[in-house]
C-alpha atoms as a PDB file:
ATOM      1  CA  MET A   1     -19.599   6.282   8.681  1.00  0.00           C
ATOM      2  CA  SER A   2     -17.130   3.444   9.241  1.00  0.00           C
ATOM      3  CA  THR A   3     -14.977   1.879   6.553  1.00  0.00           C
ATOM      4  CA  ARG A   4     -14.862  -1.718   7.704  1.00  0.00           C
ATOM      5  CA  ALA A   5     -12.127  -4.125   6.686  1.00  0.00           C
ATOM      6  CA  GLN A   6     -10.663  -7.535   7.423  1.00  0.00           C
ATOM      7  CA  ILE A   7      -7.152  -8.761   7.907  1.00  0.00           C
ATOM      8  CA  ALA A   8      -6.674 -12.363   6.732  1.00  0.00           C
ATOM      9  CA  ILE A   9      -3.752 -14.285   8.234  1.00  0.00           C
ATOM     10  CA  GLN A  10      -2.919 -17.859   7.295  1.00  0.00           C
ATOM     11  CA  THR A  11      -2.891 -19.977  10.459  1.00  0.00           C
ATOM     12  CA  GLY A  12      -2.931 -23.463   8.912  1.00  0.00           C
ATOM     13  CA  PRO A  13      -2.646 -25.256   5.555  1.00  0.00           C
ATOM     14  CA  GLU A  14      -6.251 -24.442   4.660  1.00  0.00           C
ATOM     15  CA  GLU A  15      -7.109 -22.091   7.521  1.00  0.00           C
ATOM     16  CA  TRP A  16      -7.205 -18.310   7.456  1.00  0.00           C
ATOM     17  CA  THR A  17      -8.073 -16.215  10.488  1.00  0.00           C
ATOM     18  CA  HIS A  18     -10.035 -13.085   9.548  1.00  0.00           C
ATOM     19  CA  VAL A  19      -9.702 -10.227  12.053  1.00  0.00           C
ATOM     20  CA  TYR A  20     -12.391  -7.526  11.839  1.00  0.00           C
ATOM     21  CA  VAL A  21     -11.448  -3.815  11.700  1.00  0.00           C
ATOM     22  CA  HIS A  22     -14.291  -1.341  12.319  1.00  0.00           C
ATOM     23  CA  PHE A  23     -12.907   2.152  11.485  1.00  0.00           C
ATOM     24  CA  ASP A  24     -10.603   3.605   8.805  1.00  0.00           C
ATOM     25  CA  GLY A  25     -10.213   0.401   6.787  1.00  0.00           C
ATOM     26  CA  TYR A  26      -9.380   2.171   3.519  1.00  0.00           C
ATOM     27  CA  PRO A  27      -5.916   1.411   2.023  1.00  0.00           C
ATOM     28  CA  ALA A  28      -4.502   4.962   2.284  1.00  0.00           C
ATOM     29  CA  HIS A  29      -4.852   4.691   6.071  1.00  0.00           C
ATOM     30  CA  MET A  30      -4.465   0.959   6.722  1.00  0.00           C
ATOM     31  CA  LEU A  31      -1.271   0.168   4.830  1.00  0.00           C
ATOM     32  CA  PRO A  32       0.854   2.799   6.640  1.00  0.00           C
ATOM     33  CA  ALA A  33      -0.866   1.996   9.960  1.00  0.00           C
ATOM     34  CA  LEU A  34      -0.309  -1.766   9.584  1.00  0.00           C
ATOM     35  CA  ALA A  35       3.395  -1.337   8.721  1.00  0.00           C
ATOM     36  CA  ARG A  36       4.417  -1.479  12.397  1.00  0.00           C
ATOM     37  CA  TRP A  37       2.337  -4.540  13.242  1.00  0.00           C
ATOM     38  CA  LYS A  38       3.165  -8.206  12.658  1.00  0.00           C
ATOM     39  CA  PRO A  39       0.599 -10.965  12.101  1.00  0.00           C
ATOM     40  CA  GLU A  40       1.036 -12.128  15.722  1.00  0.00           C
ATOM     41  CA  ASP A  41      -0.027  -8.678  16.973  1.00  0.00           C
ATOM     42  CA  ILE A  42      -3.171  -8.705  14.831  1.00  0.00           C
ATOM     43  CA  LEU A  43      -4.076 -12.261  15.892  1.00  0.00           C
ATOM     44  CA  ALA A  44      -3.649 -11.321  19.559  1.00  0.00           C
ATOM     45  CA  ALA A  45      -5.997  -8.345  19.090  1.00  0.00           C
ATOM     46  CA  ARG A  46      -8.815 -10.653  17.803  1.00  0.00           C
ATOM     47  CA  GLU A  47     -11.231  -7.781  16.964  1.00  0.00           C
ATOM     48  CA  ILE A  48     -10.106  -4.218  16.259  1.00  0.00           C
ATOM     49  CA  ARG A  49     -11.890  -0.861  16.355  1.00  0.00           C
ATOM     50  CA  GLN A  50      -9.036   0.979  14.616  1.00  0.00           C
ATOM     51  CA  VAL A  51      -5.445   0.325  13.572  1.00  0.00           C
ATOM     52  CA  THR A  52      -2.962   3.172  13.956  1.00  0.00           C
ATOM     53  CA  ALA A  53       0.829   3.215  13.889  1.00  0.00           C
ATOM     54  CA  GLU A  54       0.743   3.909  17.640  1.00  0.00           C
ATOM     55  CA  ALA A  55      -1.813   1.351  18.836  1.00  0.00           C
ATOM     56  CA  LEU A  56      -4.351  -1.314  18.054  1.00  0.00           C
ATOM     57  CA  ASP A  57      -7.615  -0.021  19.506  1.00  0.00           C
ATOM     58  CA  CYS A  58      -9.326  -3.324  20.327  1.00  0.00           C
ATOM     59  CA  PHE A  59     -12.825  -4.255  21.377  1.00  0.00           C
ATOM     60  CA  ASN A  60     -13.118  -5.417  24.977  1.00  0.00           C
ATOM     61  CA  PRO A  61     -14.285  -8.094  25.155  1.00  0.00           C
ATOM     62  CA  PRO A  62     -13.460  -9.095  21.580  1.00  0.00           C
ATOM     63  CA  ARG A  63     -15.449 -11.525  19.497  1.00  0.00           C
ATOM     64  CA  ASP A  64     -13.613 -14.506  18.058  1.00  0.00           C
ATOM     65  CA  PRO A  65     -12.283 -13.994  14.531  1.00  0.00           C
ATOM     66  CA  HIS A  66     -13.787 -15.933  11.632  1.00  0.00           C
ATOM     67  CA  MET A  67     -11.840 -18.995  10.502  1.00  0.00           C
ATOM     68  CA  LEU A  68     -12.197 -19.718   6.765  1.00  0.00           C
ATOM     69  CA  PRO A  69     -10.451 -22.042   4.283  1.00  0.00           C
ATOM     70  CA  ARG A  70      -9.139 -19.125   2.189  1.00  0.00           C
ATOM     71  CA  PRO A  71      -8.976 -15.316   2.305  1.00  0.00           C
ATOM     72  CA  THR A  72     -12.573 -14.222   1.808  1.00  0.00           C
ATOM     73  CA  PRO A  73     -13.728 -10.591   1.622  1.00  0.00           C
ATOM     74  CA  GLU A  74     -16.785  -9.772   3.689  1.00  0.00           C
ATOM     75  CA  PHE A  75     -16.298  -5.997   3.771  1.00  0.00           C
ATOM     76  CA  ALA A  76     -14.940  -3.280   1.500  1.00  0.00           C
ATOM     77  CA  HIS A  77     -11.241  -4.023   2.051  1.00  0.00           C
ATOM     78  CA  LEU A  78      -9.133  -7.122   2.672  1.00  0.00           C
ATOM     79  CA  TYR A  79      -5.490  -7.098   3.829  1.00  0.00           C
ATOM     80  CA  MET A  80      -2.982  -9.943   3.972  1.00  0.00           C
ATOM     81  CA  TRP A  81       0.622 -10.479   5.064  1.00  0.00           C
ATOM     82  CA  ILE A  82       2.547 -11.420   1.899  1.00  0.00           C
ATOM     83  CA  GLY A  83       6.320 -11.439   1.490  1.00  0.00           C
ATOM     84  CA  CYS A  84       6.914  -9.884   4.941  1.00  0.00           C
ATOM     85  CA  GLN A  85       4.621  -6.914   4.315  1.00  0.00           C
ATOM     86  CA  TRP A  86       0.949  -6.002   4.442  1.00  0.00           C
ATOM     87  CA  VAL A  87      -0.867  -5.714   1.129  1.00  0.00           C
ATOM     88  CA  THR A  88      -4.400  -4.906   0.103  1.00  0.00           C
ATOM     89  CA  VAL A  89      -5.988  -7.719  -1.868  1.00  0.00           C
ATOM     90  CA  VAL A  90      -8.511  -7.377  -4.647  1.00  0.00           C
ATOM     91  CA  PRO A  91     -10.152 -10.794  -4.813  1.00  0.00           C
ATOM     92  CA  GLN A  92     -10.624 -12.400  -8.203  1.00  0.00           C
ATOM     93  CA  PRO A  93     -13.640 -14.586  -8.964  1.00  0.00           C
ATOM     94  CA  ASP A  94     -12.920 -18.328  -8.950  1.00  0.00           C
ATOM     95  CA  ALA A  95     -11.932 -19.576 -12.376  1.00  0.00           C
ATOM     96  CA  ASP A  96     -13.754 -22.605 -13.733  1.00  0.00           C
END
């Protein structure tokens, strides 16, 4: 079974690019694996089978990433680049 995830990268004032990751999206694997990669690398990949410290295993051809106005979880795990490092994000419900 796959643990799917997304990587949300801010690409505009109200624009976030969400890159899909198909395998091994759980934090214990993803955070060490992402440590080598910068947001530009993830954006260039566009759609990823698996992230490892050695390589980004990408779909060929890739589908375009989703563009959303804010980081939005669609799968079990969401990662973002914050303060020059990758972090896992636990979304909070919108406050009224």
